[in-house]
PDB file of N, CA and C in Angstrom:
ATOM      1  N   UNK A   1       1.206  -0.871   0.478  1.00  0.00           N
ATOM      2  CA  UNK A   1      -0.572   0.601   0.145  1.00  0.00           C
ATOM      3  C   UNK A   1       1.050   1.522  -0.280  1.00  0.00           C
ATOM      4  N   UNK A   2       1.885   1.089   0.140  1.00  0.00           N
ATOM      5  CA  UNK A   2       2.898   2.325   0.554  1.00  0.00           C
ATOM      6  C   UNK A   2       3.711   2.311  -1.066  1.00  0.00           C
ATOM      7  N   UNK A   3       4.055   1.619  -1.257  1.00  0.00           N
ATOM      8  CA  UNK A   3       4.312   1.640  -2.519  1.00  0.00           C
ATOM      9  C   UNK A   3       3.316   2.576  -3.958  1.00  0.00           C
ATOM     10  N   UNK A   4       1.591   2.423  -4.317  1.00  0.00           N
ATOM     11  CA  UNK A   4       1.034   2.718  -4.181  1.00  0.00           C
ATOM     12  C   UNK A   4       0.923   4.340  -3.842  1.00  0.00           C
ATOM     13  N   UNK A   5       0.867   4.609  -1.960  1.00  0.00           N
ATOM     14  CA  UNK A   5       1.000   6.391  -2.398  1.00  0.00           C
ATOM     15  C   UNK A   5       1.711   6.761  -2.823  1.00  0.00           C
ATOM     16  N   UNK A   6       3.615   6.304  -2.799  1.00  0.00           N
ATOM     17  CA  UNK A   6       4.327   7.110  -3.372  1.00  0.00           C
ATOM     18  C   UNK A   6       4.331   7.299  -5.043  1.00  0.00           C
ATOM     19  N   UNK A   7       3.779   5.444  -5.918  1.00  0.00           N
ATOM     20  CA  UNK A   7       3.418   6.407  -6.779  1.00  0.00           C
ATOM     21  C   UNK A   7       1.966   7.173  -7.041  1.00  0.00           C
ATOM     22  N   UNK A   8       1.333   7.551  -6.303  1.00  0.00           N
ATOM     23  CA  UNK A   8       0.567   8.742  -5.959  1.00  0.00           C
ATOM     24  C   UNK A   8       1.347  10.056  -6.130  1.00  0.00           C
ATOM     25  N   UNK A   9       2.452   9.967  -5.646  1.00  0.00           N
ATOM     26  CA  UNK A   9       3.212  11.257  -4.976  1.00  0.00           C
ATOM     27  C   UNK A   9       3.497  11.302  -6.628  1.00  0.00           C
ATOM     28  N   UNK A  10       4.234  10.240  -6.470  1.00  0.00           N
ATOM     29  CA  UNK A  10       4.972  10.905  -7.738  1.00  0.00           C
ATOM     30  C   UNK A  10       3.642  11.320  -9.514  1.00  0.00           C
ATOM     31  N   UNK A  11       2.656  11.201  -9.180  1.00  0.00           N
ATOM     32  CA  UNK A  11       2.001  10.951 -10.136  1.00  0.00           C
ATOM     33  C   UNK A  11       1.279  12.464 -10.727  1.00  0.00           C
ATOM     34  N   UNK A  12       1.216  12.656  -9.033  1.00  0.00           N
ATOM     35  CA  UNK A  12       1.644  14.288  -8.609  1.00  0.00           C
ATOM     36  C   UNK A  12       2.409  16.100  -9.188  1.00  0.00           C
ATOM     37  N   UNK A  13       3.518  14.922  -8.631  1.00  0.00           N
ATOM     38  CA  UNK A  13       5.124  15.512  -8.857  1.00  0.00           C
ATOM     39  C   UNK A  13       4.666  15.573 -10.694  1.00  0.00           C
ATOM     40  N   UNK A  14       4.976  14.535 -12.136  1.00  0.00           N
ATOM     41  CA  UNK A  14       4.638  14.049 -13.225  1.00  0.00           C
ATOM     42  C   UNK A  14       3.651  15.711 -14.067  1.00  0.00           C
ATOM     43  N   UNK A  15       2.459  15.165 -13.115  1.00  0.00           N
ATOM     44  CA  UNK A  15       1.090  16.348 -13.663  1.00  0.00           C
ATOM     45  C   UNK A  15       1.432  18.034 -13.604  1.00  0.00           C
ATOM     46  N   UNK A  16       2.494  18.448 -12.076  1.00  0.00           N
ATOM     47  CA  UNK A  16       2.470  19.558 -12.062  1.00  0.00           C
ATOM     48  C   UNK A  16       3.858  19.987 -13.189  1.00  0.00           C
ATOM     49  N   UNK A  17       5.070  18.735 -13.404  1.00  0.00           N
ATOM     50  CA  UNK A  17       5.918  19.579 -14.417  1.00  0.00           C
ATOM     51  C   UNK A  17       5.887  19.164 -15.343  1.00  0.00           C
ATOM     52  N   UNK A  18       4.340  18.544 -16.068  1.00  0.00           N
ATOM     53  CA  UNK A  18       4.020  18.476 -17.170  1.00  0.00           C
ATOM     54  C   UNK A  18       2.737  19.829 -17.483  1.00  0.00           C
ATOM     55  N   UNK A  19       2.578  20.531 -16.384  1.00  0.00           N
ATOM     56  CA  UNK A  19       1.275  21.125 -16.930  1.00  0.00           C
ATOM     57  C   UNK A  19       1.279  22.596 -15.865  1.00  0.00           C
ATOM     58  N   UNK A  20       2.836  22.191 -16.201  1.00  0.00           N
ATOM     59  CA  UNK A  20       3.234  23.589 -15.523  1.00  0.00           C
ATOM     60  C   UNK A  20       2.827  25.509 -15.703  1.00  0.00           C
ATOM     61  N   UNK A  21       2.829  25.316 -17.065  1.00  0.00           N
ATOM     62  CA  UNK A  21       2.097  26.364 -17.217  1.00  0.00           C
ATOM     63  C   UNK A  21       1.337  26.457 -18.102  1.00  0.00           C
ATOM     64  N   UNK A  22       1.016  25.680 -17.962  1.00  0.00           N
ATOM     65  CA  UNK A  22      -0.606  25.108 -19.537  1.00  0.00           C
ATOM     66  C   UNK A  22      -1.911  25.139 -18.070  1.00  0.00           C
ATOM     67  N   UNK A  23      -1.955  24.691 -16.649  1.00  0.00           N
ATOM     68  CA  UNK A  23      -2.981  24.658 -16.360  1.00  0.00           C
ATOM     69  C   UNK A  23      -2.976  25.390 -16.119  1.00  0.00           C
ATOM     70  N   UNK A  24      -4.681  25.918 -15.670  1.00  0.00           N
ATOM     71  CA  UNK A  24      -4.719  26.810 -15.172  1.00  0.00           C
ATOM     72  C   UNK A  24      -5.503  26.922 -13.445  1.00  0.00           C
ATOM     73  N   UNK A  25      -5.130  27.448 -12.323  1.00  0.00           N
ATOM     74  CA  UNK A  25      -5.464  27.371 -11.158  1.00  0.00           C
ATOM     75  C   UNK A  25      -6.825  26.579 -10.218  1.00  0.00           C
ATOM     76  N   UNK A  26      -7.718  27.095 -11.237  1.00  0.00           N
ATOM     77  CA  UNK A  26      -8.878  26.321 -10.710  1.00  0.00           C
ATOM     78  C   UNK A  26      -9.275  24.640 -11.418  1.00  0.00           C
ATOM     79  N   UNK A  27      -8.567  24.684 -12.501  1.00  0.00           N
ATOM     80  CA  UNK A  27      -8.024  23.594 -13.250  1.00  0.00           C
ATOM     81  C   UNK A  27      -7.189  22.369 -12.505  1.00  0.00           C
ATOM     82  N   UNK A  28      -7.381  23.242 -11.759  1.00  0.00           N
ATOM     83  CA  UNK A  28      -5.364  21.928 -10.816  1.00  0.00           C
ATOM     84  C   UNK A  28      -6.085  21.060  -9.620  1.00  0.00           C
ATOM     85  N   UNK A  29      -7.385  22.505  -9.070  1.00  0.00           N
ATOM     86  CA  UNK A  29      -6.996  22.006  -7.929  1.00  0.00           C
ATOM     87  C   UNK A  29      -8.360  20.992  -8.503  1.00  0.00           C
ATOM     88  N   UNK A  30      -9.216  21.247  -9.370  1.00  0.00           N
ATOM     89  CA  UNK A  30      -9.947  19.769  -9.392  1.00  0.00           C
ATOM     90  C   UNK A  30      -9.509  19.118  -9.650  1.00  0.00           C
ATOM     91  N   UNK A  31      -8.280  18.764 -10.467  1.00  0.00           N
ATOM     92  CA  UNK A  31      -8.004  17.539 -11.007  1.00  0.00           C
ATOM     93  C   UNK A  31      -7.676  16.949  -9.568  1.00  0.00           C
ATOM     94  N   UNK A  32      -6.798  17.679  -8.275  1.00  0.00           N
ATOM     95  CA  UNK A  32      -6.589  17.184  -7.668  1.00  0.00           C
ATOM     96  C   UNK A  32      -7.629  16.469  -6.873  1.00  0.00           C
ATOM     97  N   UNK A  33      -8.960  17.070  -6.665  1.00  0.00           N
ATOM     98  CA  UNK A  33     -10.067  16.669  -6.088  1.00  0.00           C
ATOM     99  C   UNK A  33     -10.664  15.072  -6.355  1.00  0.00           C
ATOM    100  N   UNK A  34      -9.902  15.153  -7.789  1.00  0.00           N
ATOM    101  CA  UNK A  34     -11.229  13.953  -8.157  1.00  0.00           C
ATOM    102  C   UNK A  34     -10.215  13.151  -8.342  1.00  0.00           C
ATOM    103  N   UNK A  35      -8.444  13.305  -8.643  1.00  0.00           N
ATOM    104  CA  UNK A  35      -7.530  11.798  -8.143  1.00  0.00           C
ATOM    105  C   UNK A  35      -7.636  11.800  -7.150  1.00  0.00           C
ATOM    106  N   UNK A  36      -7.763  12.028  -6.013  1.00  0.00           N
ATOM    107  CA  UNK A  36      -8.193  12.136  -4.842  1.00  0.00           C
ATOM    108  C   UNK A  36      -9.450  11.033  -4.619  1.00  0.00           C
ATOM    109  N   UNK A  37     -10.904  11.609  -4.798  1.00  0.00           N
ATOM    110  CA  UNK A  37     -11.160  10.651  -4.897  1.00  0.00           C
ATOM    111  C   UNK A  37     -11.158   9.451  -5.540  1.00  0.00           C
ATOM    112  N   UNK A  38     -10.745   9.217  -6.168  1.00  0.00           N
ATOM    113  CA  UNK A  38     -10.230   7.638  -7.163  1.00  0.00           C
ATOM    114  C   UNK A  38      -9.795   7.007  -6.905  1.00  0.00           C
ATOM    115  N   UNK A  39      -8.050   7.635  -5.653  1.00  0.00           N
ATOM    116  CA  UNK A  39      -7.962   6.629  -5.779  1.00  0.00           C
ATOM    117  C   UNK A  39      -8.351   6.409  -3.666  1.00  0.00           C
ATOM    118  N   UNK A  40      -8.705   7.379  -3.121  1.00  0.00           N
ATOM    119  CA  UNK A  40      -9.640   6.519  -2.912  1.00  0.00           C
ATOM    120  C   UNK A  40     -10.960   5.795  -2.978  1.00  0.00           C
ATOM    121  N   UNK A  41     -11.321   5.461  -3.640  1.00  0.00           N
ATOM    122  CA  UNK A  41     -12.340   4.593  -3.573  1.00  0.00           C
ATOM    123  C   UNK A  41     -11.845   3.817  -3.986  1.00  0.00           C
ATOM    124  N   UNK A  42     -10.202   2.957  -4.572  1.00  0.00           N
ATOM    125  CA  UNK A  42      -9.896   1.894  -5.465  1.00  0.00           C
ATOM    126  C   UNK A  42      -8.365   2.138  -4.166  1.00  0.00           C
ATOM    127  N   UNK A  43      -8.666   2.396  -3.199  1.00  0.00           N
ATOM    128  CA  UNK A  43      -7.842   1.686  -1.376  1.00  0.00           C
ATOM    129  C   UNK A  43      -9.556   1.517  -1.193  1.00  0.00           C
ATOM    130  N   UNK A  44     -10.277   1.610  -1.177  1.00  0.00           N
ATOM    131  CA  UNK A  44     -11.536   1.205  -0.266  1.00  0.00           C
ATOM    132  C   UNK A  44     -12.172   0.403  -1.386  1.00  0.00           C
ATOM    133  N   UNK A  45     -12.050   0.300  -2.448  1.00  0.00           N
ATOM    134  CA  UNK A  45     -13.000  -0.826  -2.984  1.00  0.00           C
ATOM    135  C   UNK A  45     -11.289  -2.420  -2.848  1.00  0.00           C
ATOM    136  N   UNK A  46     -10.893  -2.399  -2.457  1.00  0.00           N
ATOM    137  CA  UNK A  46     -10.465  -3.360  -2.100  1.00  0.00           C
ATOM    138  C   UNK A  46     -10.671  -4.182  -1.358  1.00  0.00           C
ATOM    139  N   UNK A  47     -10.833  -5.018  -1.481  1.00  0.00           N
ATOM    140  CA  UNK A  47     -11.595  -6.266  -0.792  1.00  0.00           C
ATOM    141  C   UNK A  47     -10.794  -7.518  -0.163  1.00  0.00           C
ATOM    142  N   UNK A  48     -10.158  -8.221   0.597  1.00  0.00           N
ATOM    143  CA  UNK A  48      -9.431  -8.938   0.826  1.00  0.00           C
ATOM    144  C   UNK A  48     -10.028 -10.976  -0.098  1.00  0.00           C
ATOM    145  N   UNK A  49     -11.349 -10.049   0.759  1.00  0.00           N
ATOM    146  CA  UNK A  49     -12.373 -11.464   0.737  1.00  0.00           C
ATOM    147  C   UNK A  49     -13.033 -11.858  -1.112  1.00  0.00           C
ATOM    148  N   UNK A  50     -11.916 -10.141  -2.154  1.00  0.00           N
ATOM    149  CA  UNK A  50     -12.939 -10.813  -3.891  1.00  0.00           C
ATOM    150  C   UNK A  50     -12.127 -11.268  -3.970  1.00  0.00           C
ATOM    151  N   UNK A  51     -10.403 -11.940  -3.446  1.00  0.00           N
ATOM    152  CA  UNK A  51      -8.951 -12.564  -3.568  1.00  0.00           C
ATOM    153  C   UNK A  51      -9.622 -14.239  -3.207  1.00  0.00           C
ATOM    154  N   UNK A  52     -10.651 -14.248  -2.059  1.00  0.00           N
ATOM    155  CA  UNK A  52     -10.541 -15.430  -1.256  1.00  0.00           C
ATOM    156  C   UNK A  52     -11.600 -16.142  -1.978  1.00  0.00           C
ATOM    157  N   UNK A  53     -12.414 -15.476  -2.859  1.00  0.00           N
ATOM    158  CA  UNK A  53     -13.588 -15.947  -3.902  1.00  0.00           C
ATOM    159  C   UNK A  53     -13.109 -16.447  -5.118  1.00  0.00           C
ATOM    160  N   UNK A  54     -12.083 -15.721  -5.601  1.00  0.00           N
ATOM    161  CA  UNK A  54     -11.871 -15.790  -7.050  1.00  0.00           C
ATOM    162  C   UNK A  54     -10.996 -17.169  -6.341  1.00  0.00           C
ATOM    163  N   UNK A  55      -9.601 -17.065  -5.419  1.00  0.00           N
ATOM    164  CA  UNK A  55      -9.118 -18.607  -4.977  1.00  0.00           C
ATOM    165  C   UNK A  55     -10.397 -20.084  -4.279  1.00  0.00           C
ATOM    166  N   UNK A  56     -11.665 -19.813  -4.586  1.00  0.00           N
ATOM    167  CA  UNK A  56     -12.348 -20.486  -3.557  1.00  0.00           C
ATOM    168  C   UNK A  56     -13.243 -20.939  -4.718  1.00  0.00           C
ATOM    169  N   UNK A  57     -13.261 -20.042  -6.257  1.00  0.00           N
ATOM    170  CA  UNK A  57     -13.846 -20.368  -6.818  1.00  0.00           C
ATOM    171  C   UNK A  57     -12.764 -20.705  -7.793  1.00  0.00           C
ATOM    172  N   UNK A  58     -11.345 -21.220  -7.627  1.00  0.00           N
ATOM    173  CA  UNK A  58     -10.464 -21.701  -8.380  1.00  0.00           C
ATOM    174  C   UNK A  58     -10.933 -23.382  -8.254  1.00  0.00           C
ATOM    175  N   UNK A  59     -10.466 -23.656  -6.940  1.00  0.00           N
ATOM    176  CA  UNK A  59     -10.380 -24.120  -5.786  1.00  0.00           C
ATOM    177  C   UNK A  59     -11.717 -25.569  -7.207  1.00  0.00           C
ATOM    178  N   UNK A  60     -12.504 -24.940  -5.967  1.00  0.00           N
ATOM    179  CA  UNK A  60     -14.068 -25.783  -6.570  1.00  0.00           C
ATOM    180  C   UNK A  60     -14.174 -26.462  -8.123  1.00  0.00           C
ATOM    181  N   UNK A  61     -13.256 -25.738  -8.742  1.00  0.00           N
ATOM    182  CA  UNK A  61     -13.440 -26.002 -10.602  1.00  0.00           C
ATOM    183  C   UNK A  61     -12.269 -26.980 -10.392  1.00  0.00           C
ATOM    184  N   UNK A  62     -11.287 -26.948  -9.945  1.00  0.00           N
ATOM    185  CA  UNK A  62     -10.546 -27.819 -10.099  1.00  0.00           C
ATOM    186  C   UNK A  62     -10.898 -29.518  -9.512  1.00  0.00           C
ATOM    187  N   UNK A  63     -11.622 -28.865  -7.960  1.00  0.00           N
ATOM    188  CA  UNK A  63     -12.281 -30.423  -7.687  1.00  0.00           C
ATOM    189  C   UNK A  63     -12.771 -31.181  -8.624  1.00  0.00           C
ATOM    190  N   UNK A  64     -13.999 -30.284  -9.110  1.00  0.00           N
ATOM    191  CA  UNK A  64     -14.790 -30.909  -9.838  1.00  0.00           C
ATOM    192  C   UNK A  64     -14.853 -31.428 -10.822  1.00  0.00           C
ATOM    193  N   UNK A  65     -13.200 -30.821 -11.430  1.00  0.00           N
ATOM    194  CA  UNK A  65     -12.160 -31.670 -12.590  1.00  0.00           C
ATOM    195  C   UNK A  65     -11.602 -32.349 -11.956  1.00  0.00           C
ATOM    196  N   UNK A  66     -11.267 -32.513 -11.080  1.00  0.00           N
ATOM    197  CA  UNK A  66     -10.367 -34.671 -10.572  1.00  0.00           C
ATOM    198  C   UNK A  66     -11.131 -35.272 -10.722  1.00  0.00           C
ATOM    199  N   UNK A  67     -12.655 -34.879  -9.562  1.00  0.00           N
ATOM    200  CA  UNK A  67     -13.661 -35.659  -9.767  1.00  0.00           C
ATOM    201  C   UNK A  67     -14.317 -36.668 -11.345  1.00  0.00           C
ATOM    202  N   UNK A  68     -14.425 -35.274 -11.813  1.00  0.00           N
ATOM    203  CA  UNK A  68     -14.770 -36.173 -13.545  1.00  0.00           C
ATOM    204  C   UNK A  68     -13.189 -37.437 -13.918  1.00  0.00           C
ATOM    205  N   UNK A  69     -12.101 -36.851 -13.615  1.00  0.00           N
ATOM    206  CA  UNK A  69     -11.917 -37.461 -14.703  1.00  0.00           C
ATOM    207  C   UNK A  69     -11.637 -38.856 -13.851  1.00  0.00           C
ATOM    208  N   UNK A  70     -11.266 -38.857 -13.307  1.00  0.00           N
ATOM    209  CA  UNK A  70     -12.109 -40.120 -11.638  1.00  0.00           C
ATOM    210  C   UNK A  70     -12.866 -40.617 -11.703  1.00  0.00           C
ATOM    211  N   UNK A  71     -14.472 -40.262 -11.474  1.00  0.00           N
ATOM    212  CA  UNK A  71     -15.365 -40.972 -11.829  1.00  0.00           C
ATOM    213  C   UNK A  71     -15.685 -41.512 -13.739  1.00  0.00           C
ATOM    214  N   UNK A  72     -14.706 -40.461 -15.201  1.00  0.00           N
ATOM    215  CA  UNK A  72     -14.388 -40.714 -16.098  1.00  0.00           C
ATOM    216  C   UNK A  72     -13.062 -42.263 -16.266  1.00  0.00           C
ATOM    217  N   UNK A  73     -12.239 -42.218 -15.183  1.00  0.00           N
ATOM    218  CA  UNK A  73     -11.566 -43.930 -15.303  1.00  0.00           C
ATOM    219  C   UNK A  73     -11.554 -44.450 -15.058  1.00  0.00           C
ATOM    220  N   UNK A  74     -12.645 -45.001 -13.331  1.00  0.00           N
ATOM    221  CA  UNK A  74     -13.887 -45.910 -12.924  1.00  0.00           C
ATOM    222  C   UNK A  74     -14.636 -46.574 -13.923  1.00  0.00           C
ATOM    223  N   UNK A  75     -14.994 -45.646 -13.630  1.00  0.00           N
ATOM    224  CA  UNK A  75     -16.588 -46.095 -15.198  1.00  0.00           C
ATOM    225  C   UNK A  75     -16.111 -46.866 -16.664  1.00  0.00           C
ATOM    226  N   UNK A  76     -15.062 -46.116 -17.318  1.00  0.00           N
ATOM    227  CA  UNK A  76     -13.807 -46.868 -18.408  1.00  0.00           C
ATOM    228  C   UNK A  76     -13.473 -48.730 -17.103  1.00  0.00           C
ATOM    229  N   UNK A  77     -12.571 -48.695 -16.692  1.00  0.00           N
ATOM    230  CA  UNK A  77     -12.552 -49.466 -15.421  1.00  0.00           C
ATOM    231  C   UNK A  77     -13.366 -50.839 -15.021  1.00  0.00           C
ATOM    232  N   UNK A  78     -14.648 -50.015 -14.768  1.00  0.00           N
ATOM    233  CA  UNK A  78     -15.429 -50.712 -14.990  1.00  0.00           C
ATOM    234  C   UNK A  78     -15.951 -51.841 -15.204  1.00  0.00           C
ATOM    235  N   UNK A  79     -16.066 -51.477 -16.929  1.00  0.00           N
ATOM    236  CA  UNK A  79     -16.181 -51.915 -18.143  1.00  0.00           C
ATOM    237  C   UNK A  79     -18.153 -52.754 -17.597  1.00  0.00           C
ATOM    238  N   UNK A  80     -18.110 -51.987 -17.230  1.00  0.00           N
ATOM    239  CA  UNK A  80     -19.573 -52.187 -17.543  1.00  0.00           C
ATOM    240  C   UNK A  80     -20.327 -51.783 -18.621  1.00  0.00           C
ATOM    241  N   UNK A  81     -21.909 -52.703 -19.462  1.00  0.00           N
ATOM    242  CA  UNK A  81     -22.253 -51.847 -20.249  1.00  0.00           C
ATOM    243  C   UNK A  81     -23.327 -51.600 -19.872  1.00  0.00           C
ATOM    244  N   UNK A  82     -23.452 -50.516 -20.468  1.00  0.00           N
ATOM    245  CA  UNK A  82     -24.876 -49.698 -20.502  1.00  0.00           C
ATOM    246  C   UNK A  82     -26.407 -49.613 -21.902  1.00  0.00           C
ATOM    247  N   UNK A  83     -27.297 -50.302 -21.730  1.00  0.00           N
ATOM    248  CA  UNK A  83     -28.238 -49.610 -22.958  1.00  0.00           C
ATOM    249  C   UNK A  83     -27.995 -48.724 -23.206  1.00  0.00           C
ATOM    250  N   UNK A  84     -27.830 -47.767 -23.024  1.00  0.00           N
ATOM    251  CA  UNK A  84     -27.828 -46.423 -23.802  1.00  0.00           C
ATOM    252  C   UNK A  84     -26.335 -45.937 -24.292  1.00  0.00           C
ATOM    253  N   UNK A  85     -25.458 -46.434 -24.102  1.00  0.00           N
ATOM    254  CA  UNK A  85     -23.711 -46.848 -25.131  1.00  0.00           C
ATOM    255  C   UNK A  85     -24.379 -47.895 -25.360  1.00  0.00           C
ATOM    256  N   UNK A  86     -25.451 -48.807 -25.787  1.00  0.00           N
ATOM    257  CA  UNK A  86     -25.732 -49.412 -26.807  1.00  0.00           C
ATOM    258  C   UNK A  86     -26.890 -49.150 -27.935  1.00  0.00           C
ATOM    259  N   UNK A  87     -27.088 -47.762 -27.298  1.00  0.00           N
ATOM    260  CA  UNK A  87     -28.415 -47.565 -28.368  1.00  0.00           C
ATOM    261  C   UNK A  87     -27.347 -45.943 -29.380  1.00  0.00           C
ATOM    262  N   UNK A  88     -26.253 -45.085 -28.708  1.00  0.00           N
ATOM    263  CA  UNK A  88     -26.404 -44.619 -28.712  1.00  0.00           C
ATOM    264  C   UNK A  88     -25.229 -45.296 -30.107  1.00  0.00           C
ATOM    265  N   UNK A  89     -24.659 -46.558 -29.893  1.00  0.00           N
ATOM    266  CA  UNK A  89     -22.874 -46.955 -30.878  1.00  0.00           C
ATOM    267  C   UNK A  89     -24.462 -47.342 -32.251  1.00  0.00           C
ATOM    268  N   UNK A  90     -25.556 -48.505 -31.777  1.00  0.00           N
ATOM    269  CA  UNK A  90     -26.428 -48.531 -33.067  1.00  0.00           C
ATOM    270  C   UNK A  90     -26.315 -47.477 -33.961  1.00  0.00           C
ATOM    271  N   UNK A  91     -27.224 -46.320 -33.049  1.00  0.00           N
ATOM    272  CA  UNK A  91     -27.097 -45.743 -33.742  1.00  0.00           C
ATOM    273  C   UNK A  91     -25.830 -44.699 -34.916  1.00  0.00           C
ATOM    274  N   UNK A  92     -25.338 -44.899 -33.610  1.00  0.00           N
ATOM    275  CA  UNK A  92     -23.767 -43.671 -34.724  1.00  0.00           C
ATOM    276  C   UNK A  92     -23.274 -45.256 -36.430  1.00  0.00           C
ATOM    277  N   UNK A  93     -23.506 -46.502 -36.030  1.00  0.00           N
ATOM    278  CA  UNK A  93     -22.761 -47.289 -37.061  1.00  0.00           C
ATOM    279  C   UNK A  93     -23.608 -47.569 -37.796  1.00  0.00           C
ATOM    280  N   UNK A  94     -24.938 -47.522 -37.729  1.00  0.00           N
ATOM    281  CA  UNK A  94     -26.393 -47.044 -38.081  1.00  0.00           C
ATOM    282  C   UNK A  94     -26.985 -46.008 -39.254  1.00  0.00           C
ATOM    283  N   UNK A  95     -25.878 -44.644 -38.666  1.00  0.00           N
ATOM    284  CA  UNK A  95     -25.447 -43.611 -39.530  1.00  0.00           C
ATOM    285  C   UNK A  95     -24.312 -43.543 -40.051  1.00  0.00           C
ATOM    286  N   UNK A  96     -23.885 -44.482 -39.894  1.00  0.00           N
ATOM    287  CA  UNK A  96     -22.025 -44.723 -40.385  1.00  0.00           C
ATOM    288  C   UNK A  96     -22.684 -45.394 -42.575  1.00  0.00           C
ATOM    289  N   UNK A  97     -23.310 -45.936 -42.011  1.00  0.00           N
ATOM    290  CA  UNK A  97     -23.732 -47.107 -43.199  1.00  0.00           C
ATOM    291  C   UNK A  97     -25.090 -45.995 -44.273  1.00  0.00           C
ATOM    292  N   UNK A  98     -25.190 -45.370 -43.818  1.00  0.00           N
ATOM    293  CA  UNK A  98     -25.808 -44.844 -44.606  1.00  0.00           C
ATOM    294  C   UNK A  98     -25.033 -43.038 -45.216  1.00  0.00           C
ATOM    295  N   UNK A  99     -24.016 -43.284 -45.354  1.00  0.00           N
ATOM    296  CA  UNK A  99     -22.915 -41.800 -45.517  1.00  0.00           C
ATOM    297  C   UNK A  99     -22.985 -42.432 -46.521  1.00  0.00           C
ATOM    298  N   UNK A 100     -22.804 -41.896 -47.174  1.00  0.00           N
ATOM    299  CA  UNK A 100     -22.235 -41.776 -48.938  1.00  0.00           C
ATOM    300  C   UNK A 100     -21.172 -41.391 -49.186  1.00  0.00           C
ATOM    301  N   UNK A 101     -20.132 -42.097 -49.553  1.00  0.00           N
ATOM    302  CA  UNK A 101     -18.901 -41.912 -49.718  1.00  0.00           C
ATOM    303  C   UNK A 101     -18.274 -40.584 -50.186  1.00  0.00           C
ATOM    304  N   UNK A 102     -17.832 -39.573 -50.385  1.00  0.00           N
ATOM    305  CA  UNK A 102     -17.189 -38.828 -51.562  1.00  0.00           C
ATOM    306  C   UNK A 102     -16.054 -38.693 -51.431  1.00  0.00           C
ATOM    307  N   UNK A 103     -16.024 -38.705 -52.509  1.00  0.00           N
ATOM    308  CA  UNK A 103     -14.974 -37.970 -53.853  1.00  0.00           C
ATOM    309  C   UNK A 103     -14.523 -36.584 -54.213  1.00  0.00           C
TER     310      UNK A 103
END
């Protein structure tokens, strides 16, 4: 957070140097106020809970992915036939035999 404050001070110095001659006083005050409000909003808007929520969501997806892989491995290892698999393979076989070969 200290680095952010230092970066803000550097930005103020940059603005002062860049617009020393061109910027009217009332515009400089308005810009300073607006930049201050923006910085305050950014510092207050950061919530550590957002990072934890992101991490938690990623962890859930990773866990679900691993569980799906394990379920697939177990189902392949069981080699049990299901009526649905037979129907799908019958449809695919029938569809493949009806296709006209393209040359």
